């Protein structure tokens, strides 16, 4: 797995080859198997191939036109209802104070990373997009206000090969026993 971790890049230019449905399902299976706190599995995934819907999502993502070169978007949504039961009204946005929101964001992010690494393993390129607001992105896909869109993964066959970005040395980030 270290090869996939080392080789994974954020791809912003894709060729126009379609992504096989079997590969998309394999990516979603890798996400389904991710760990989550108390096994709550808060994630949901919306596979988007419609050009019109992709255009709306790219526009809501600060008009990032490069996204449109990807044949598939996977919209990753966290569901707080796995941690807050009942009919209590919950509206989530970037300023929500709920402790449970932090938990579902953490867990859904883990599942998203599973997708990114499995895509690399399958020879696919990805980019995690999160530059949008909930109020702009949710209506496009009819996502309820008690759900939180963690990110959009653009997916396809890469039409570029970016170089590795600099990373800190291990000595700079490791602490033993205390800070």
N, C-alpha and C. Protein backbone atom coordinates (compact mmCIF):
# COMPACT_ATOMS: atom_id res chain seq x y z
N UNK A 1 0.82 -1.20 0.00
CA UNK A 1 0.00 0.00 0.00
C UNK A 1 0.86 1.26 0.00
N UNK A 2 2.10 1.18 0.46
CA UNK A 2 2.93 2.38 0.50
C UNK A 2 3.16 2.94 -0.90
N UNK A 3 3.17 2.06 -1.92
CA UNK A 3 3.33 2.54 -3.29
C UNK A 3 2.18 3.47 -3.66
N UNK A 4 0.94 3.05 -3.36
CA UNK A 4 -0.23 3.88 -3.68
C UNK A 4 -0.20 5.20 -2.91
N UNK A 5 0.23 5.13 -1.65
CA UNK A 5 0.32 6.34 -0.84
C UNK A 5 1.35 7.30 -1.43
N UNK A 6 2.49 6.78 -1.84
CA UNK A 6 3.54 7.62 -2.41
C UNK A 6 3.17 8.16 -3.79
N UNK A 7 2.43 7.40 -4.58
CA UNK A 7 2.14 7.78 -5.96
C UNK A 7 0.88 8.63 -6.12
N UNK A 8 -0.02 8.64 -5.16
CA UNK A 8 -1.28 9.37 -5.28
C UNK A 8 -1.04 10.86 -5.45
N UNK A 9 -1.71 11.45 -6.42
CA UNK A 9 -1.60 12.88 -6.68
C UNK A 9 -3.00 13.45 -6.87
N UNK A 10 -3.14 14.74 -6.71
CA UNK A 10 -4.39 15.42 -7.03
C UNK A 10 -4.38 15.70 -8.53
N UNK A 11 -5.28 15.04 -9.23
CA UNK A 11 -5.35 15.16 -10.68
C UNK A 11 -6.42 16.19 -11.05
N UNK A 12 -6.05 17.12 -11.90
CA UNK A 12 -6.99 18.16 -12.33
C UNK A 12 -7.14 18.21 -13.85
N UNK A 13 -6.70 17.15 -14.51
CA UNK A 13 -6.85 17.04 -15.96
C UNK A 13 -7.00 15.56 -16.29
N UNK A 14 -8.16 15.22 -16.84
CA UNK A 14 -8.48 13.82 -17.13
C UNK A 14 -8.67 13.64 -18.63
N UNK A 15 -8.38 12.42 -19.12
CA UNK A 15 -8.72 12.15 -20.52
C UNK A 15 -10.19 11.76 -20.59
N UNK A 16 -10.73 11.63 -21.77
CA UNK A 16 -12.17 11.43 -21.89
C UNK A 16 -12.60 9.96 -21.89
N UNK A 17 -11.76 9.09 -21.41
CA UNK A 17 -12.11 7.67 -21.30
C UNK A 17 -13.08 7.47 -20.13
N UNK A 18 -14.14 6.73 -20.37
CA UNK A 18 -15.12 6.43 -19.32
C UNK A 18 -14.51 5.54 -18.25
N UNK A 19 -14.99 5.70 -17.03
CA UNK A 19 -14.57 4.83 -15.93
C UNK A 19 -15.56 3.67 -15.86
N UNK A 20 -15.03 2.48 -15.82
CA UNK A 20 -15.85 1.28 -15.80
C UNK A 20 -16.68 1.22 -14.52
N UNK A 21 -17.95 0.83 -14.64
CA UNK A 21 -18.84 0.73 -13.48
C UNK A 21 -18.28 -0.22 -12.42
N UNK A 22 -17.62 -1.29 -12.86
CA UNK A 22 -17.05 -2.25 -11.90
C UNK A 22 -15.98 -1.57 -11.03
N UNK A 23 -15.22 -0.68 -11.62
CA UNK A 23 -14.19 0.03 -10.86
C UNK A 23 -14.83 1.02 -9.89
N UNK A 24 -15.89 1.68 -10.32
CA UNK A 24 -16.58 2.60 -9.41
C UNK A 24 -17.13 1.83 -8.21
N UNK A 25 -17.72 0.68 -8.47
CA UNK A 25 -18.24 -0.14 -7.37
C UNK A 25 -17.12 -0.63 -6.45
N UNK A 26 -15.98 -0.95 -7.02
CA UNK A 26 -14.84 -1.38 -6.20
C UNK A 26 -14.37 -0.23 -5.30
N UNK A 27 -14.37 0.99 -5.83
CA UNK A 27 -13.99 2.16 -5.02
C UNK A 27 -14.98 2.34 -3.87
N UNK A 28 -16.26 2.23 -4.17
CA UNK A 28 -17.28 2.41 -3.14
C UNK A 28 -17.23 1.29 -2.11
N UNK A 29 -16.87 0.09 -2.55
CA UNK A 29 -16.70 -1.01 -1.61
C UNK A 29 -15.53 -0.73 -0.66
N UNK A 30 -14.45 -0.15 -1.19
CA UNK A 30 -13.32 0.18 -0.32
C UNK A 30 -13.74 1.22 0.72
N UNK A 31 -14.59 2.16 0.33
CA UNK A 31 -15.10 3.17 1.27
C UNK A 31 -16.01 2.54 2.31
N UNK A 32 -16.86 1.62 1.87
CA UNK A 32 -17.80 0.95 2.78
C UNK A 32 -17.07 0.21 3.89
N UNK A 33 -15.88 -0.27 3.60
CA UNK A 33 -15.11 -1.06 4.56
C UNK A 33 -14.26 -0.22 5.52
N UNK A 34 -14.32 1.09 5.39
CA UNK A 34 -13.53 1.97 6.25
C UNK A 34 -14.00 1.86 7.71
N UNK A 35 -13.08 2.11 8.64
CA UNK A 35 -13.48 2.12 10.05
C UNK A 35 -14.22 3.41 10.41
N UNK A 36 -15.06 3.32 11.43
CA UNK A 36 -15.76 4.52 11.93
C UNK A 36 -15.98 4.36 13.42
N UNK A 37 -16.03 5.49 14.13
CA UNK A 37 -16.26 5.48 15.56
C UNK A 37 -17.57 4.79 15.90
N UNK A 38 -17.53 3.84 16.83
CA UNK A 38 -18.70 3.06 17.24
C UNK A 38 -19.38 2.37 16.06
N UNK A 39 -18.64 2.15 14.99
CA UNK A 39 -19.14 1.49 13.78
C UNK A 39 -20.40 2.16 13.23
N UNK A 40 -20.46 3.49 13.32
CA UNK A 40 -21.65 4.22 12.89
C UNK A 40 -21.78 4.32 11.36
N UNK A 41 -20.69 4.24 10.63
CA UNK A 41 -20.70 4.26 9.17
C UNK A 41 -21.57 5.40 8.63
N UNK A 42 -21.20 6.65 8.88
CA UNK A 42 -22.06 7.79 8.55
C UNK A 42 -22.08 8.19 7.08
N UNK A 43 -21.34 7.52 6.23
CA UNK A 43 -21.13 7.97 4.87
C UNK A 43 -22.22 7.52 3.90
N UNK A 44 -22.43 8.38 2.92
CA UNK A 44 -23.27 8.09 1.75
C UNK A 44 -22.53 8.66 0.56
N UNK A 45 -22.74 8.05 -0.60
CA UNK A 45 -22.02 8.47 -1.80
C UNK A 45 -23.00 8.64 -2.96
N UNK A 46 -22.86 9.74 -3.66
CA UNK A 46 -23.68 10.01 -4.83
C UNK A 46 -22.75 10.00 -6.04
N UNK A 47 -22.95 9.07 -6.94
CA UNK A 47 -22.15 8.96 -8.15
C UNK A 47 -22.81 9.83 -9.21
N UNK A 48 -22.05 10.77 -9.75
CA UNK A 48 -22.58 11.73 -10.71
C UNK A 48 -21.82 11.59 -12.03
N UNK A 49 -22.57 11.31 -13.10
CA UNK A 49 -22.00 11.26 -14.45
C UNK A 49 -22.65 12.28 -15.37
N UNK A 50 -23.80 12.80 -15.01
CA UNK A 50 -24.53 13.77 -15.83
C UNK A 50 -23.71 15.03 -16.03
N UNK A 51 -23.52 15.43 -17.28
CA UNK A 51 -22.75 16.64 -17.57
C UNK A 51 -23.40 17.88 -16.95
N UNK A 52 -24.73 17.96 -17.02
CA UNK A 52 -25.43 19.11 -16.46
C UNK A 52 -25.21 19.21 -14.95
N UNK A 53 -25.34 18.08 -14.26
CA UNK A 53 -25.14 18.08 -12.80
C UNK A 53 -23.70 18.39 -12.45
N UNK A 54 -22.76 17.84 -13.21
CA UNK A 54 -21.35 18.14 -12.96
C UNK A 54 -21.07 19.63 -13.16
N UNK A 55 -21.68 20.23 -14.16
CA UNK A 55 -21.51 21.67 -14.38
C UNK A 55 -22.01 22.47 -13.19
N UNK A 56 -23.16 22.08 -12.66
CA UNK A 56 -23.71 22.78 -11.49
C UNK A 56 -22.80 22.62 -10.28
N UNK A 57 -22.27 21.41 -10.08
CA UNK A 57 -21.38 21.16 -8.94
C UNK A 57 -20.08 21.94 -9.08
N UNK A 58 -19.52 21.98 -10.29
CA UNK A 58 -18.28 22.73 -10.51
C UNK A 58 -18.52 24.22 -10.29
N UNK A 59 -19.66 24.72 -10.74
CA UNK A 59 -19.97 26.13 -10.54
C UNK A 59 -20.10 26.44 -9.05
N UNK A 60 -20.77 25.56 -8.29
CA UNK A 60 -20.91 25.76 -6.84
C UNK A 60 -19.57 25.62 -6.12
N UNK A 61 -18.62 24.97 -6.75
CA UNK A 61 -17.28 24.79 -6.19
C UNK A 61 -16.36 25.90 -6.70
N UNK A 62 -16.83 27.14 -6.58
CA UNK A 62 -16.09 28.33 -7.00
C UNK A 62 -15.68 28.27 -8.47
N UNK A 63 -16.58 27.72 -9.26
CA UNK A 63 -16.41 27.70 -10.71
C UNK A 63 -15.08 27.07 -11.15
N UNK A 64 -14.73 25.96 -10.54
CA UNK A 64 -13.50 25.24 -10.88
C UNK A 64 -13.76 24.43 -12.15
N UNK A 65 -13.55 25.03 -13.30
CA UNK A 65 -13.87 24.42 -14.59
C UNK A 65 -13.06 23.16 -14.87
N UNK A 66 -11.88 23.04 -14.30
CA UNK A 66 -11.07 21.85 -14.53
C UNK A 66 -11.81 20.59 -14.11
N UNK A 67 -12.72 20.71 -13.14
CA UNK A 67 -13.47 19.54 -12.65
C UNK A 67 -14.22 18.85 -13.79
N UNK A 68 -14.65 19.62 -14.78
CA UNK A 68 -15.49 19.08 -15.85
C UNK A 68 -14.76 18.10 -16.76
N UNK A 69 -13.44 18.04 -16.67
CA UNK A 69 -12.72 17.04 -17.47
C UNK A 69 -12.85 15.64 -16.88
N UNK A 70 -13.29 15.54 -15.62
CA UNK A 70 -13.47 14.23 -14.99
C UNK A 70 -14.80 13.62 -15.42
N UNK A 71 -14.79 12.36 -15.85
CA UNK A 71 -16.04 11.74 -16.28
C UNK A 71 -17.00 11.40 -15.14
N UNK A 72 -16.47 11.32 -13.92
CA UNK A 72 -17.29 10.92 -12.77
C UNK A 72 -16.96 11.80 -11.58
N UNK A 73 -17.99 12.18 -10.85
CA UNK A 73 -17.83 12.79 -9.53
C UNK A 73 -18.43 11.84 -8.52
N UNK A 74 -17.77 11.70 -7.38
CA UNK A 74 -18.36 10.98 -6.25
C UNK A 74 -18.53 12.01 -5.14
N UNK A 75 -19.78 12.32 -4.84
CA UNK A 75 -20.09 13.29 -3.79
C UNK A 75 -20.22 12.52 -2.49
N UNK A 76 -19.43 12.90 -1.51
CA UNK A 76 -19.34 12.17 -0.25
C UNK A 76 -20.07 12.94 0.84
N UNK A 77 -21.07 12.31 1.42
CA UNK A 77 -21.98 12.97 2.34
C UNK A 77 -21.95 12.26 3.69
N UNK A 78 -21.85 13.05 4.76
CA UNK A 78 -21.86 12.52 6.12
C UNK A 78 -23.27 12.71 6.70
N UNK A 79 -23.76 11.67 7.36
CA UNK A 79 -25.11 11.68 7.93
C UNK A 79 -25.03 11.68 9.45
N UNK A 80 -25.38 12.80 10.06
CA UNK A 80 -25.32 12.94 11.52
C UNK A 80 -26.36 12.09 12.23
N UNK A 81 -27.37 11.62 11.50
CA UNK A 81 -28.44 10.82 12.11
C UNK A 81 -27.93 9.50 12.69
N UNK A 82 -26.75 9.09 12.31
CA UNK A 82 -26.20 7.87 12.91
C UNK A 82 -25.76 8.12 14.35
N UNK A 83 -25.65 9.40 14.74
CA UNK A 83 -25.23 9.76 16.09
C UNK A 83 -26.27 10.57 16.86
N UNK A 84 -27.21 11.17 16.15
CA UNK A 84 -28.29 11.92 16.80
C UNK A 84 -29.61 11.26 16.39
N UNK A 85 -30.21 10.57 17.30
CA UNK A 85 -31.45 9.85 17.00
C UNK A 85 -32.67 10.74 17.23
N UNK A 86 -33.78 10.29 16.72
CA UNK A 86 -35.02 10.99 16.96
C UNK A 86 -35.33 11.99 15.88
N UNK A 87 -36.29 12.83 16.17
CA UNK A 87 -36.76 13.79 15.18
C UNK A 87 -36.29 15.21 15.47
N UNK A 88 -35.28 15.35 16.31
CA UNK A 88 -34.74 16.68 16.60
C UNK A 88 -34.30 17.34 15.30
N UNK A 89 -34.70 18.59 15.10
CA UNK A 89 -34.27 19.32 13.91
C UNK A 89 -32.79 19.62 14.00
N UNK A 90 -32.07 19.25 12.96
CA UNK A 90 -30.64 19.53 12.87
C UNK A 90 -30.39 20.14 11.51
N UNK A 91 -29.75 21.29 11.50
CA UNK A 91 -29.33 21.92 10.25
C UNK A 91 -27.83 22.10 10.33
N UNK A 92 -27.11 21.48 9.41
CA UNK A 92 -25.66 21.53 9.43
C UNK A 92 -25.14 22.52 8.40
N UNK A 93 -24.12 23.25 8.80
CA UNK A 93 -23.38 24.09 7.86
C UNK A 93 -21.96 24.27 8.41
N UNK A 94 -21.21 25.16 7.82
CA UNK A 94 -19.80 25.34 8.20
C UNK A 94 -19.62 25.84 9.63
N UNK A 95 -20.66 26.35 10.26
CA UNK A 95 -20.55 26.89 11.61
C UNK A 95 -21.29 26.07 12.66
N UNK A 96 -21.71 24.88 12.32
CA UNK A 96 -22.47 24.06 13.27
C UNK A 96 -21.62 23.65 14.46
N UNK A 97 -22.18 23.73 15.67
CA UNK A 97 -21.39 23.46 16.87
C UNK A 97 -21.43 22.00 17.34
N UNK A 98 -22.23 21.15 16.73
CA UNK A 98 -22.41 19.79 17.26
C UNK A 98 -21.11 19.00 17.30
N UNK A 99 -20.84 18.40 18.45
CA UNK A 99 -19.70 17.50 18.61
C UNK A 99 -19.80 16.35 17.60
N UNK A 100 -21.02 15.88 17.37
CA UNK A 100 -21.23 14.75 16.47
C UNK A 100 -20.82 15.08 15.04
N UNK A 101 -20.90 16.36 14.66
CA UNK A 101 -20.47 16.75 13.32
C UNK A 101 -18.98 16.46 13.13
N UNK A 102 -18.19 16.75 14.13
CA UNK A 102 -16.75 16.46 14.03
C UNK A 102 -16.52 14.97 13.85
N UNK A 103 -17.30 14.17 14.53
CA UNK A 103 -17.14 12.72 14.44
C UNK A 103 -17.51 12.19 13.05
N UNK A 104 -18.62 12.67 12.49
CA UNK A 104 -19.00 12.16 11.17
C UNK A 104 -18.07 12.69 10.07
N UNK A 105 -17.52 13.89 10.26
CA UNK A 105 -16.55 14.41 9.29
C UNK A 105 -15.28 13.55 9.31
N UNK A 106 -14.82 13.23 10.50
CA UNK A 106 -13.63 12.37 10.64
C UNK A 106 -13.86 11.03 9.94
N UNK A 107 -14.97 10.39 10.26
CA UNK A 107 -15.22 9.06 9.73
C UNK A 107 -15.43 9.06 8.22
N UNK A 108 -16.16 10.03 7.72
CA UNK A 108 -16.39 10.10 6.27
C UNK A 108 -15.09 10.42 5.54
N UNK A 109 -14.23 11.23 6.15
CA UNK A 109 -12.93 11.53 5.55
C UNK A 109 -12.08 10.26 5.41
N UNK A 110 -12.15 9.39 6.40
CA UNK A 110 -11.42 8.12 6.31
C UNK A 110 -11.92 7.33 5.11
N UNK A 111 -13.24 7.26 4.94
CA UNK A 111 -13.79 6.49 3.82
C UNK A 111 -13.38 7.12 2.48
N UNK A 112 -13.30 8.44 2.44
CA UNK A 112 -12.88 9.11 1.22
C UNK A 112 -11.43 8.78 0.88
N UNK A 113 -10.59 8.74 1.87
CA UNK A 113 -9.19 8.39 1.62
C UNK A 113 -9.07 6.96 1.11
N UNK A 114 -9.93 6.07 1.58
CA UNK A 114 -9.95 4.71 1.03
C UNK A 114 -10.22 4.76 -0.48
N UNK A 115 -11.16 5.60 -0.90
CA UNK A 115 -11.47 5.74 -2.33
C UNK A 115 -10.24 6.24 -3.09
N UNK A 116 -9.58 7.27 -2.56
CA UNK A 116 -8.42 7.85 -3.25
C UNK A 116 -7.31 6.82 -3.43
N UNK A 117 -7.05 6.04 -2.39
CA UNK A 117 -5.96 5.06 -2.48
C UNK A 117 -6.34 3.88 -3.37
N UNK A 118 -7.58 3.42 -3.30
CA UNK A 118 -8.01 2.32 -4.17
C UNK A 118 -8.02 2.77 -5.62
N UNK A 119 -8.40 4.03 -5.87
CA UNK A 119 -8.36 4.56 -7.24
C UNK A 119 -6.93 4.51 -7.78
N UNK A 120 -5.98 4.92 -6.98
CA UNK A 120 -4.57 4.85 -7.40
C UNK A 120 -4.20 3.41 -7.72
N UNK A 121 -4.64 2.49 -6.88
CA UNK A 121 -4.37 1.07 -7.10
C UNK A 121 -4.97 0.58 -8.42
N UNK A 122 -6.11 1.14 -8.83
CA UNK A 122 -6.79 0.72 -10.06
C UNK A 122 -6.34 1.51 -11.29
N UNK A 123 -5.37 2.41 -11.11
CA UNK A 123 -4.88 3.18 -12.24
C UNK A 123 -5.73 4.39 -12.58
N UNK A 124 -6.51 4.85 -11.62
CA UNK A 124 -7.39 6.01 -11.81
C UNK A 124 -6.84 7.21 -11.08
N UNK A 125 -7.19 8.39 -11.58
CA UNK A 125 -6.80 9.64 -10.94
C UNK A 125 -7.98 10.23 -10.18
N UNK A 126 -7.66 10.99 -9.13
CA UNK A 126 -8.68 11.62 -8.30
C UNK A 126 -8.22 12.98 -7.82
N UNK A 127 -9.18 13.77 -7.39
CA UNK A 127 -8.88 15.00 -6.66
C UNK A 127 -10.02 15.23 -5.68
N UNK A 128 -9.69 15.54 -4.45
CA UNK A 128 -10.65 15.83 -3.40
C UNK A 128 -10.97 17.32 -3.47
N UNK A 129 -12.22 17.66 -3.74
CA UNK A 129 -12.66 19.06 -3.85
C UNK A 129 -13.56 19.37 -2.67
N UNK A 130 -13.30 20.48 -1.99
CA UNK A 130 -14.14 20.85 -0.84
C UNK A 130 -14.32 22.37 -0.72
N UNK A 131 -14.12 23.09 -1.81
CA UNK A 131 -14.24 24.54 -1.80
C UNK A 131 -15.64 24.92 -2.26
N UNK A 132 -16.59 24.80 -1.33
CA UNK A 132 -17.99 25.11 -1.58
C UNK A 132 -18.65 25.31 -0.23
N UNK A 133 -19.87 25.82 -0.24
CA UNK A 133 -20.63 25.90 1.00
C UNK A 133 -21.79 24.91 0.92
N UNK A 134 -22.24 24.50 2.08
CA UNK A 134 -23.35 23.55 2.14
C UNK A 134 -24.60 24.12 1.47
N UNK A 135 -24.87 25.40 1.71
CA UNK A 135 -26.07 26.02 1.14
C UNK A 135 -26.07 26.03 -0.38
N UNK A 136 -24.89 26.05 -0.98
CA UNK A 136 -24.80 26.05 -2.44
C UNK A 136 -24.78 24.64 -3.03
N UNK A 137 -24.17 23.70 -2.34
CA UNK A 137 -23.95 22.38 -2.93
C UNK A 137 -25.14 21.43 -2.71
N UNK A 138 -25.75 21.48 -1.53
CA UNK A 138 -26.82 20.53 -1.21
C UNK A 138 -28.01 20.59 -2.16
N UNK A 139 -28.53 21.79 -2.51
CA UNK A 139 -29.73 21.83 -3.36
C UNK A 139 -29.54 21.16 -4.73
N UNK A 140 -28.34 21.16 -5.24
CA UNK A 140 -28.08 20.58 -6.57
C UNK A 140 -28.45 19.10 -6.58
N UNK A 141 -28.22 18.41 -5.47
CA UNK A 141 -28.44 16.96 -5.39
C UNK A 141 -29.58 16.59 -4.43
N UNK A 142 -30.35 17.59 -4.02
CA UNK A 142 -31.48 17.35 -3.10
C UNK A 142 -31.04 16.71 -1.79
N UNK A 143 -29.91 17.14 -1.28
CA UNK A 143 -29.38 16.61 -0.02
C UNK A 143 -30.04 17.36 1.13
N UNK A 144 -30.62 16.64 2.09
CA UNK A 144 -31.29 17.31 3.23
C UNK A 144 -30.31 18.15 4.06
N UNK A 145 -30.86 19.11 4.79
CA UNK A 145 -30.02 20.03 5.57
C UNK A 145 -29.40 19.37 6.80
N UNK A 146 -29.83 18.16 7.16
CA UNK A 146 -29.19 17.48 8.28
C UNK A 146 -28.07 16.54 7.81
N UNK A 147 -27.66 16.69 6.56
CA UNK A 147 -26.51 15.95 6.01
C UNK A 147 -25.43 16.97 5.68
N UNK A 148 -24.17 16.52 5.65
CA UNK A 148 -23.05 17.42 5.41
C UNK A 148 -22.20 16.88 4.26
N UNK A 149 -22.05 17.67 3.21
CA UNK A 149 -21.21 17.27 2.08
C UNK A 149 -19.76 17.51 2.48
N UNK A 150 -19.02 16.43 2.65
CA UNK A 150 -17.61 16.53 3.07
C UNK A 150 -16.74 16.88 1.88
N UNK A 151 -17.04 16.31 0.73
CA UNK A 151 -16.24 16.61 -0.45
C UNK A 151 -16.79 15.95 -1.69
N UNK A 152 -16.23 16.40 -2.80
CA UNK A 152 -16.50 15.80 -4.10
C UNK A 152 -15.18 15.21 -4.57
N UNK A 153 -15.20 13.95 -4.95
CA UNK A 153 -14.01 13.33 -5.53
C UNK A 153 -14.21 13.30 -7.04
N UNK A 154 -13.33 14.02 -7.76
CA UNK A 154 -13.35 13.89 -9.20
C UNK A 154 -12.59 12.61 -9.54
N UNK A 155 -13.08 11.91 -10.56
CA UNK A 155 -12.54 10.58 -10.85
C UNK A 155 -12.44 10.35 -12.34
N UNK A 156 -11.32 9.78 -12.76
CA UNK A 156 -11.15 9.44 -14.16
C UNK A 156 -9.74 8.95 -14.42
N UNK A 157 -9.43 8.80 -15.69
CA UNK A 157 -8.08 8.42 -16.08
C UNK A 157 -7.26 9.70 -16.27
N UNK A 158 -6.16 9.79 -15.57
CA UNK A 158 -5.35 11.00 -15.56
C UNK A 158 -4.80 11.34 -16.93
N UNK A 159 -4.81 12.63 -17.23
CA UNK A 159 -4.21 13.16 -18.44
C UNK A 159 -3.03 14.05 -18.07
N UNK A 160 -2.48 13.79 -16.91
CA UNK A 160 -1.31 14.52 -16.42
C UNK A 160 -0.62 13.64 -15.39
N UNK A 161 0.62 13.97 -15.09
CA UNK A 161 1.38 13.23 -14.09
C UNK A 161 2.14 14.23 -13.22
N UNK A 162 1.43 14.86 -12.28
CA UNK A 162 2.10 15.86 -11.44
C UNK A 162 3.23 15.24 -10.61
N UNK A 163 4.24 16.05 -10.37
CA UNK A 163 5.34 15.61 -9.52
C UNK A 163 4.90 15.63 -8.06
N UNK A 164 5.61 14.89 -7.25
CA UNK A 164 5.32 14.86 -5.82
C UNK A 164 5.55 16.24 -5.22
N UNK A 165 4.66 16.62 -4.32
CA UNK A 165 4.82 17.89 -3.61
C UNK A 165 5.71 17.65 -2.39
N UNK A 166 6.41 18.67 -1.94
CA UNK A 166 7.30 18.49 -0.79
C UNK A 166 6.54 18.05 0.46
N UNK A 167 7.16 17.22 1.23
CA UNK A 167 6.63 16.75 2.49
C UNK A 167 7.66 17.00 3.58
N UNK A 168 7.16 17.27 4.77
CA UNK A 168 8.06 17.47 5.90
C UNK A 168 8.80 16.19 6.21
N UNK A 169 9.98 16.35 6.77
CA UNK A 169 10.78 15.22 7.22
C UNK A 169 10.11 14.61 8.45
N UNK A 170 10.22 13.30 8.62
CA UNK A 170 9.65 12.64 9.79
C UNK A 170 10.11 13.27 11.10
N UNK A 171 11.37 13.67 11.17
CA UNK A 171 11.90 14.26 12.40
C UNK A 171 11.15 15.54 12.79
N UNK A 172 10.55 16.20 11.81
CA UNK A 172 9.82 17.45 12.08
C UNK A 172 8.42 17.22 12.66
N UNK A 173 7.89 16.02 12.52
CA UNK A 173 6.49 15.80 12.89
C UNK A 173 6.28 14.73 13.97
N UNK A 174 7.34 14.03 14.35
CA UNK A 174 7.21 12.96 15.34
C UNK A 174 7.62 13.45 16.72
N UNK A 175 6.80 13.10 17.71
CA UNK A 175 7.10 13.38 19.11
C UNK A 175 6.93 12.06 19.85
N UNK A 176 7.75 11.86 20.83
CA UNK A 176 7.65 10.63 21.63
C UNK A 176 7.27 10.98 23.05
N UNK A 177 6.27 10.30 23.55
CA UNK A 177 5.78 10.41 24.92
C UNK A 177 5.07 11.72 25.22
N UNK A 178 5.63 12.87 24.85
CA UNK A 178 4.99 14.17 25.05
C UNK A 178 5.32 15.06 23.86
N UNK A 179 4.73 16.25 23.83
CA UNK A 179 5.01 17.18 22.77
C UNK A 179 6.46 17.56 22.79
